[in-house]
């Protein structure tokens, strides 16, 4: 099935193959789970809007896989999300809004800002997830609101500054002292610049792009 998914992904989706691949995923060995999810990620490339019911049927499984501890499974689940967003952000906005909901955003947010500190996913996948969120926000005001309500701003703050928002909020004089950790002091500027220097350029660009999409539009005229 994984080999067929590389050449004929639409045929697999059309015939209900996504459900066959994913419905009993947790009963398989880890090796079979990886193969099944890799095939599913292939099937999510350029998926047609007419196949939305098949995508929605397995979406809770894909979303749940984002929380797994196995890196390869999480990577393949991320690819499913990234490719579905890329497929639906232009012509199927209503479908996209049903998929990129609060639960999905929460799972993605935890991948971008993991409790353990170091992201489980590869750097390129991390970048593509940021791009997928920016693409979704650009396509739908409803998704933009959902992102804001899910505290994506805190995640972006940490990505760009290297400082957790909760840590910065605990200093009332932040930004007014050279020894502070805020964005206004000399040490803060050094901390932010060091963080940006060590973070991949494409991640910084995608994070800024997402910030731009979250901001209200400029007045016209």
Protein backbone atom coordinates (compact mmCIF):
# COMPACT_ATOMS: atom_id res chain seq x y z
CA UNK A 1 0.00 0.00 0.00
CA UNK A 2 2.85 2.40 0.81
CA UNK A 3 4.40 1.83 -2.63
CA UNK A 4 1.04 2.29 -4.36
CA UNK A 5 0.45 5.52 -2.43
CA UNK A 6 3.51 7.07 -4.06
CA UNK A 7 2.05 6.64 -7.55
CA UNK A 8 -1.73 6.53 -7.07
CA UNK A 9 -2.61 8.39 -3.85
CA UNK A 10 -6.00 9.62 -5.12
CA UNK A 11 -7.14 6.09 -5.97
CA UNK A 12 -6.38 4.94 -2.43
CA UNK A 13 -8.31 7.85 -0.90
CA UNK A 14 -11.23 7.37 -3.28
CA UNK A 15 -11.58 3.70 -2.38
CA UNK A 16 -11.49 4.29 1.37
CA UNK A 17 -7.84 3.36 1.75
CA UNK A 18 -7.10 6.02 4.38
CA UNK A 19 -9.52 4.40 6.80
CA UNK A 20 -8.02 0.99 6.06
CA UNK A 21 -4.55 2.35 6.80
CA UNK A 22 -5.34 4.24 9.99
CA UNK A 23 -8.44 2.89 11.75
CA UNK A 24 -6.54 0.13 13.59
CA UNK A 25 -3.18 1.88 13.74
CA UNK A 26 -2.59 1.34 17.46
CA UNK A 27 -2.94 -2.43 17.10
CA UNK A 28 0.05 -2.66 14.75
CA UNK A 29 3.72 -2.90 15.55
CA UNK A 30 5.67 0.37 15.48
CA UNK A 31 7.23 -0.57 12.12
CA UNK A 32 3.81 -1.17 10.56
CA UNK A 33 2.46 2.03 12.12
CA UNK A 34 5.25 4.01 10.49
CA UNK A 35 4.61 2.44 7.09
CA UNK A 36 0.86 3.02 7.35
CA UNK A 37 1.25 6.66 8.36
CA UNK A 38 3.84 7.26 5.65
CA UNK A 39 1.36 5.92 3.10
CA UNK A 40 -1.33 8.17 4.58
CA UNK A 41 0.95 11.20 4.27
CA UNK A 42 1.46 10.36 0.60
CA UNK A 43 -2.32 10.19 0.15
CA UNK A 44 -2.75 13.67 1.66
CA UNK A 45 -0.73 15.28 -1.13
CA UNK A 46 -2.94 17.27 -3.53
CA UNK A 47 -6.06 15.69 -2.06
CA UNK A 48 -9.28 16.66 -3.83
CA UNK A 49 -12.11 18.51 -2.10
CA UNK A 50 -14.47 15.74 -3.18
CA UNK A 51 -12.49 13.39 -0.95
CA UNK A 52 -12.96 15.58 2.12
CA UNK A 53 -15.26 13.07 3.90
CA UNK A 54 -12.44 10.51 3.76
CA UNK A 55 -9.95 13.02 5.17
CA UNK A 56 -12.29 14.14 7.93
CA UNK A 57 -13.03 10.54 8.86
CA UNK A 58 -9.40 9.83 9.78
CA UNK A 59 -8.48 13.35 10.95
CA UNK A 60 -8.86 12.58 14.68
CA UNK A 61 -6.37 9.72 14.25
CA UNK A 62 -3.88 11.94 12.43
CA UNK A 63 -4.30 14.65 15.06
CA UNK A 64 -3.75 12.13 17.84
CA UNK A 65 -0.55 10.92 16.17
CA UNK A 66 0.87 14.42 16.60
CA UNK A 67 1.07 13.67 20.33
CA UNK A 68 2.97 10.37 20.01
CA UNK A 69 6.50 9.95 21.32
CA UNK A 70 7.91 8.25 18.21
CA UNK A 71 9.58 10.90 16.04
CA UNK A 72 8.90 9.23 12.70
CA UNK A 73 5.20 8.78 13.45
CA UNK A 74 4.93 12.42 14.46
CA UNK A 75 6.82 13.50 11.34
CA UNK A 76 4.43 11.59 9.07
CA UNK A 77 1.41 12.97 10.94
CA UNK A 78 2.81 16.48 10.47
CA UNK A 79 3.18 15.84 6.75
CA UNK A 80 -0.48 14.81 6.61
CA UNK A 81 -1.50 18.12 8.19
CA UNK A 82 0.86 20.21 6.07
CA UNK A 83 -0.26 18.59 2.82
CA UNK A 84 -3.98 18.82 3.61
CA UNK A 85 -3.61 22.53 4.43
CA UNK A 86 -1.74 23.02 1.18
CA UNK A 87 -4.50 21.18 -0.70
CA UNK A 88 -7.46 23.04 0.82
CA UNK A 89 -6.33 26.59 1.57
CA UNK A 90 -7.47 28.04 -1.77
CA UNK A 91 -10.62 26.33 -2.97
CA UNK A 92 -11.99 24.57 0.13
CA UNK A 93 -11.91 27.14 2.92
CA UNK A 94 -14.92 25.68 4.75
CA UNK A 95 -13.28 22.28 4.75
CA UNK A 96 -10.05 23.80 6.02
CA UNK A 97 -11.89 25.53 8.87
CA UNK A 98 -13.40 22.21 9.95
CA UNK A 99 -9.95 20.60 10.09
CA UNK A 100 -7.79 23.38 11.53
CA UNK A 101 -9.75 23.65 14.75
CA UNK A 102 -8.80 24.29 18.37
CA UNK A 103 -7.78 20.68 18.99
CA UNK A 104 -5.43 20.55 16.02
CA UNK A 105 -3.92 23.94 16.83
CA UNK A 106 -3.29 22.82 20.41
CA UNK A 107 -1.47 19.69 19.20
CA UNK A 108 0.64 21.69 16.73
CA UNK A 109 1.37 24.32 19.35
CA UNK A 110 2.75 21.65 21.67
CA UNK A 111 5.09 20.50 18.91
CA UNK A 112 6.33 24.04 18.29
CA UNK A 113 6.80 24.80 21.99
CA UNK A 114 7.31 21.41 23.70
CA UNK A 115 7.32 21.14 27.47
CA UNK A 116 10.68 19.36 27.37
CA UNK A 117 12.37 22.20 25.53
CA UNK A 118 13.77 20.52 22.42
CA UNK A 119 11.31 19.94 19.54
CA UNK A 120 10.69 16.31 18.66
CA UNK A 121 10.28 17.06 14.97
CA UNK A 122 12.99 17.88 12.46
CA UNK A 123 13.87 21.49 11.70
CA UNK A 124 12.37 21.38 8.20
CA UNK A 125 9.09 19.94 9.48
CA UNK A 126 9.01 22.63 12.18
CA UNK A 127 9.34 25.29 9.48
CA UNK A 128 6.63 23.72 7.33
CA UNK A 129 4.23 23.61 10.30
CA UNK A 130 4.74 27.34 10.85
CA UNK A 131 4.08 27.91 7.16
CA UNK A 132 0.92 25.79 7.31
CA UNK A 133 -0.40 27.87 10.21
CA UNK A 134 0.36 31.10 8.35
CA UNK A 135 -1.31 29.73 5.22
CA UNK A 136 -4.39 28.76 7.23
CA UNK A 137 -4.59 32.16 8.92
CA UNK A 138 -4.26 33.90 5.56
CA UNK A 139 -7.12 31.82 4.17
CA UNK A 140 -9.58 32.19 7.05
CA UNK A 141 -10.37 34.81 9.68
CA UNK A 142 -12.04 32.06 11.71
CA UNK A 143 -8.77 30.13 11.89
CA UNK A 144 -6.91 33.33 12.78
CA UNK A 145 -9.20 33.80 15.79
CA UNK A 146 -8.71 30.16 16.78
CA UNK A 147 -4.94 30.61 16.64
CA UNK A 148 -5.09 33.70 18.84
CA UNK A 149 -7.37 31.98 21.34
CA UNK A 150 -4.93 29.05 21.49
CA UNK A 151 -2.13 31.41 22.60
CA UNK A 152 -0.07 30.96 19.46
CA UNK A 153 1.32 34.45 20.19
CA UNK A 154 3.17 33.07 23.23
CA UNK A 155 4.73 30.40 21.03
CA UNK A 156 5.84 32.96 18.46
CA UNK A 157 7.27 35.16 21.22
CA UNK A 158 9.43 32.29 22.43
CA UNK A 159 10.50 31.34 18.90
CA UNK A 160 11.65 34.88 18.11
CA UNK A 161 13.10 35.91 21.47
CA UNK A 162 14.17 32.70 23.18
CA UNK A 163 12.37 33.94 26.31
CA UNK A 164 9.19 32.40 27.66
CA UNK A 165 6.41 35.00 27.96
CA UNK A 166 5.64 33.86 31.51
CA UNK A 167 9.23 34.61 32.51
CA UNK A 168 9.13 38.05 30.92
CA UNK A 169 5.82 38.94 32.56
CA UNK A 170 7.25 38.34 36.00
CA UNK A 171 9.53 41.39 35.70
CA UNK A 172 7.59 44.63 35.97
CA UNK A 173 10.68 46.66 35.10
CA UNK A 174 11.42 44.57 32.06
CA UNK A 175 12.55 46.65 29.14
CA UNK A 176 13.56 49.50 31.42
CA UNK A 177 16.69 47.94 32.85
CA UNK A 178 19.94 46.99 31.24
CA UNK A 179 19.94 43.83 33.34
CA UNK A 180 16.37 42.84 32.48
CA UNK A 181 15.28 40.01 30.21
CA UNK A 182 12.77 42.04 28.25
CA UNK A 183 13.07 43.47 24.79
CA UNK A 184 14.05 46.98 25.84
CA UNK A 185 17.28 46.44 27.79
CA UNK A 186 20.79 45.89 26.49
CA UNK A 187 20.98 42.32 27.78
CA UNK A 188 17.59 41.60 26.27
CA UNK A 189 18.74 42.80 22.86
CA UNK A 190 21.77 40.54 23.10
CA UNK A 191 19.63 37.58 24.16
CA UNK A 192 17.19 38.07 21.30
CA UNK A 193 19.94 38.52 18.72
CA UNK A 194 21.73 35.42 19.94
CA UNK A 195 18.50 33.43 19.74
CA UNK A 196 17.81 34.66 16.20
CA UNK A 197 21.37 33.92 15.15
CA UNK A 198 21.06 30.30 16.25
CA UNK A 199 17.57 29.69 14.87
CA UNK A 200 17.30 28.68 11.20
CA UNK A 201 16.59 31.67 8.97
CA UNK A 202 13.57 30.04 7.35
CA UNK A 203 11.96 29.45 10.75
CA UNK A 204 12.37 33.11 11.64
CA UNK A 205 10.85 34.11 8.29
CA UNK A 206 7.86 31.78 8.70
CA UNK A 207 7.31 32.91 12.29
CA UNK A 208 7.27 36.55 11.16
CA UNK A 209 4.95 35.64 8.31
CA UNK A 210 2.55 34.07 10.81
CA UNK A 211 2.76 37.19 13.01
CA UNK A 212 1.86 39.26 9.96
CA UNK A 213 -1.17 37.10 9.20
CA UNK A 214 -2.41 37.37 12.78
CA UNK A 215 -2.35 41.16 12.76
CA UNK A 216 -5.49 43.03 11.61
CA UNK A 217 -5.35 44.35 8.04
CA UNK A 218 -4.21 47.88 7.39
CA UNK A 219 -6.97 50.35 6.57
CA UNK A 220 -7.53 50.75 2.84
CA UNK A 221 -7.39 54.10 1.09
